[in-house]
C-alpha atoms as a PDB file:
ATOM      1  CA  MET A   1      19.626-106.772 -59.786  1.00  0.00           C
ATOM      2  CA  THR A   2      23.282-107.734 -59.921  1.00  0.00           C
ATOM      3  CA  PRO A   3      24.464-110.970 -58.333  1.00  0.00           C
ATOM      4  CA  GLY A   4      26.743-109.092 -55.886  1.00  0.00           C
ATOM      5  CA  GLY A   5      23.898-106.941 -54.570  1.00  0.00           C
ATOM      6  CA  ASP A   6      23.469-103.203 -54.644  1.00  0.00           C
ATOM      7  CA  PHE A   7      26.301-101.078 -53.191  1.00  0.00           C
ATOM      8  CA  LEU A   8      23.861 -98.918 -51.237  1.00  0.00           C
ATOM      9  CA  PHE A   9      22.330-101.910 -49.467  1.00  0.00           C
ATOM     10  CA  THR A  10      25.811-103.139 -48.556  1.00  0.00           C
ATOM     11  CA  PHE A  11      27.313 -99.819 -47.511  1.00  0.00           C
ATOM     12  CA  GLY A  12      24.180 -98.251 -45.905  1.00  0.00           C
ATOM     13  CA  PRO A  13      24.001-100.408 -42.748  1.00  0.00           C
ATOM     14  CA  ILE A  14      27.755-100.067 -42.199  1.00  0.00           C
ATOM     15  CA  PHE A  15      27.553 -96.268 -42.537  1.00  0.00           C
ATOM     16  CA  ILE A  16      24.569 -96.038 -40.157  1.00  0.00           C
ATOM     17  CA  GLY A  17      26.388 -98.266 -37.660  1.00  0.00           C
ATOM     18  CA  ILE A  18      29.469 -96.044 -37.762  1.00  0.00           C
ATOM     19  CA  ILE A  19      27.381 -92.884 -37.191  1.00  0.00           C
ATOM     20  CA  PHE A  20      25.572 -94.612 -34.307  1.00  0.00           C
ATOM     21  CA  LEU A  21      28.905 -95.528 -32.673  1.00  0.00           C
ATOM     22  CA  ILE A  22      30.184 -91.957 -33.061  1.00  0.00           C
ATOM     23  CA  VAL A  23      27.054 -90.491 -31.424  1.00  0.00           C
ATOM     24  CA  ILE A  24      27.153 -92.999 -28.561  1.00  0.00           C
ATOM     25  CA  SER A  25      30.888 -92.305 -28.067  1.00  0.00           C
ATOM     26  CA  ILE A  26      30.217 -88.559 -27.789  1.00  0.00           C
ATOM     27  CA  PHE A  27      27.562 -89.172 -25.105  1.00  0.00           C
ATOM     28  CA  VAL A  28      29.808 -91.539 -23.163  1.00  0.00           C
ATOM     29  CA  PHE A  29      32.718 -89.059 -23.341  1.00  0.00           C
ATOM     30  CA  ALA A  30      30.503 -86.211 -22.063  1.00  0.00           C
ATOM     31  CA  ILE A  31      29.245 -88.332 -19.160  1.00  0.00           C
ATOM     32  CA  ILE A  32      32.764 -89.439 -18.197  1.00  0.00           C
ATOM     33  CA  LYS A  33      34.049 -85.858 -18.404  1.00  0.00           C
ATOM     34  CA  GLY A  34      31.196 -84.587 -16.196  1.00  0.00           C
ATOM     35  CA  VAL A  35      31.661 -87.299 -13.565  1.00  0.00           C
ATOM     36  CA  THR A  36      35.433 -86.710 -13.539  1.00  0.00           C
ATOM     37  CA  GLN A  37      34.986 -82.926 -13.031  1.00  0.00           C
ATOM     38  CA  TRP A  38      32.395 -83.528 -10.294  1.00  0.00           C
ATOM     39  CA  ASN A  39      34.793 -85.918  -8.515  1.00  0.00           C
ATOM     40  CA  GLN A  40      37.722 -83.480  -8.794  1.00  0.00           C
ATOM     41  CA  ASN A  41      35.575 -80.680  -7.332  1.00  0.00           C
ATOM     42  CA  ASN A  42      34.495 -82.890  -4.432  1.00  0.00           C
ATOM     43  CA  ASN A  43      38.133 -83.754  -3.674  1.00  0.00           C
ATOM     44  CA  SER A  44      39.288 -80.106  -3.866  1.00  0.00           C
ATOM     45  CA  PRO A  45      39.473 -77.988  -0.712  1.00  0.00           C
ATOM     46  CA  LYS A  46      36.846 -75.315  -0.100  1.00  0.00           C
ATOM     47  CA  LEU A  47      38.633 -71.967  -0.383  1.00  0.00           C
ATOM     48  CA  ASN A  48      37.671 -68.469   0.712  1.00  0.00           C
ATOM     49  CA  VAL A  49      39.745 -65.697  -0.867  1.00  0.00           C
ATOM     50  CA  ASN A  50      39.493 -61.938  -1.209  1.00  0.00           C
ATOM     51  CA  ALA A  51      38.434 -61.106  -4.748  1.00  0.00           C
ATOM     52  CA  ARG A  52      36.968 -58.454  -7.007  1.00  0.00           C
ATOM     53  CA  VAL A  53      34.306 -58.910  -9.691  1.00  0.00           C
ATOM     54  CA  VAL A  54      36.054 -58.096 -12.973  1.00  0.00           C
ATOM     55  CA  SER A  55      33.476 -58.967 -15.620  1.00  0.00           C
ATOM     56  CA  LYS A  56      30.190 -60.703 -16.313  1.00  0.00           C
ATOM     57  CA  ARG A  57      28.915 -62.479 -19.416  1.00  0.00           C
ATOM     58  CA  THR A  58      26.045 -64.601 -20.615  1.00  0.00           C
ATOM     59  CA  SER A  59      25.828 -67.418 -23.126  1.00  0.00           C
ATOM     60  CA  VAL A  60      22.460 -68.045 -24.806  1.00  0.00           C
ATOM     61  CA  HIS A  61      21.736 -71.476 -26.273  1.00  0.00           C
ATOM     62  CA  GLY A  62      18.834 -72.622 -28.399  1.00  0.00           C
ATOM     63  CA  GLY A  63      16.206 -70.249 -29.691  1.00  0.00           C
ATOM     64  CA  GLY A  64      14.686 -70.123 -33.130  1.00  0.00           C
ATOM     65  CA  GLU A  65      11.967 -72.766 -33.274  1.00  0.00           C
ATOM     66  CA  SER A  66      12.790 -74.090 -29.797  1.00  0.00           C
ATOM     67  CA  SER A  67      13.082 -72.472 -26.403  1.00  0.00           C
ATOM     68  CA  SER A  68      16.335 -70.860 -25.385  1.00  0.00           C
ATOM     69  CA  TYR A  69      18.224 -70.844 -22.124  1.00  0.00           C
ATOM     70  CA  SER A  70      21.044 -68.718 -20.750  1.00  0.00           C
ATOM     71  CA  SER A  71      24.182 -69.557 -18.810  1.00  0.00           C
ATOM     72  CA  TYR A  72      25.669 -66.861 -16.595  1.00  0.00           C
ATOM     73  CA  PHE A  73      29.392 -66.411 -15.930  1.00  0.00           C
ATOM     74  CA  VAL A  74      31.299 -64.072 -13.597  1.00  0.00           C
ATOM     75  CA  THR A  75      35.054 -63.477 -13.635  1.00  0.00           C
ATOM     76  CA  PHE A  76      36.763 -62.731 -10.330  1.00  0.00           C
ATOM     77  CA  GLU A  77      40.285 -61.406  -9.779  1.00  0.00           C
ATOM     78  CA  VAL A  78      42.023 -62.583  -6.603  1.00  0.00           C
ATOM     79  CA  GLU A  79      44.758 -60.720  -4.715  1.00  0.00           C
ATOM     80  CA  SER A  80      47.553 -62.519  -6.608  1.00  0.00           C
ATOM     81  CA  GLY A  81      46.190 -61.144  -9.896  1.00  0.00           C
ATOM     82  CA  ASP A  82      44.876 -64.501 -11.109  1.00  0.00           C
ATOM     83  CA  ARG A  83      41.430 -64.497 -12.663  1.00  0.00           C
ATOM     84  CA  LEU A  84      38.828 -67.202 -12.125  1.00  0.00           C
ATOM     85  CA  GLU A  85      35.594 -67.570 -14.085  1.00  0.00           C
ATOM     86  CA  PHE A  86      32.618 -69.406 -12.608  1.00  0.00           C
ATOM     87  CA  MET A  87      29.177 -70.283 -13.874  1.00  0.00           C
ATOM     88  CA  VAL A  88      26.646 -68.784 -11.459  1.00  0.00           C
ATOM     89  CA  LYS A  89      22.870 -68.893 -11.007  1.00  0.00           C
ATOM     90  CA  ASP A  90      20.808 -66.134 -12.582  1.00  0.00           C
ATOM     91  CA  THR A  91      19.913 -64.699  -9.170  1.00  0.00           C
ATOM     92  CA  GLU A  92      23.607 -64.438  -8.190  1.00  0.00           C
ATOM     93  CA  TYR A  93      24.455 -62.924 -11.584  1.00  0.00           C
ATOM     94  CA  GLY A  94      21.909 -60.150 -11.100  1.00  0.00           C
ATOM     95  CA  MET A  95      23.227 -59.280  -7.636  1.00  0.00           C
ATOM     96  CA  LEU A  96      26.898 -58.961  -8.642  1.00  0.00           C
ATOM     97  CA  VAL A  97      28.257 -55.741 -10.097  1.00  0.00           C
ATOM     98  CA  GLU A  98      31.616 -55.242 -11.801  1.00  0.00           C
ATOM     99  CA  GLY A  99      33.975 -53.706  -9.260  1.00  0.00           C
ATOM    100  CA  ASP A 100      32.385 -55.385  -6.231  1.00  0.00           C
ATOM    101  CA  LYS A 101      34.962 -56.507  -3.661  1.00  0.00           C
ATOM    102  CA  GLY A 102      34.491 -59.230  -1.106  1.00  0.00           C
ATOM    103  CA  GLU A 103      35.156 -62.836  -0.206  1.00  0.00           C
ATOM    104  CA  LEU A 104      34.828 -65.488  -2.903  1.00  0.00           C
ATOM    105  CA  ALA A 105      34.077 -69.073  -1.839  1.00  0.00           C
ATOM    106  CA  PHE A 106      34.757 -71.885  -4.293  1.00  0.00           C
ATOM    107  CA  GLN A 107      35.704 -75.548  -4.494  1.00  0.00           C
ATOM    108  CA  GLY A 108      37.660 -76.533  -7.598  1.00  0.00           C
ATOM    109  CA  THR A 109      35.611 -75.143 -10.490  1.00  0.00           C
ATOM    110  CA  ARG A 110      32.431 -74.990  -8.384  1.00  0.00           C
ATOM    111  CA  TYR A 111      31.229 -71.533  -7.320  1.00  0.00           C
ATOM    112  CA  LEU A 112      29.982 -71.522  -3.713  1.00  0.00           C
ATOM    113  CA  GLY A 113      29.252 -67.844  -3.142  1.00  0.00           C
ATOM    114  CA  PHE A 114      30.460 -64.281  -2.868  1.00  0.00           C
ATOM    115  CA  ASN A 115      30.072 -62.061   0.206  1.00  0.00           C
ATOM    116  CA  ARG A 116      30.424 -58.400  -0.658  1.00  0.00           C
ATOM    117  CA  SER A 117      32.494 -56.348   1.780  1.00  0.00           C
ATOM    118  CA  ARG A 118      31.213 -52.994   2.892  1.00  0.00           C
END
């Protein structure tokens, strides 16, 4: 062994420490972002607007050797022509059809419900 030590034994702990800090930073950032969005939604007014269901989509995560799960999204178009996309529960997703018109209730980026007009 050399008097200065092996490079791998010197560099290895530093490298592992850097990776650990990066992973922890990503978790902390995600938590802060989630709490910030939750707080903004709570401070936003609850709105009810006339809207039309424009499109629906799903996003599947996982699979392969592990279980998978799906996220459901619905895009609404309000009277001004603006479009808003919300993540909805699977039961809501199944009940909405493209072209449905009604009253959309939301608070910030939080979907509260959709009442179809007859």
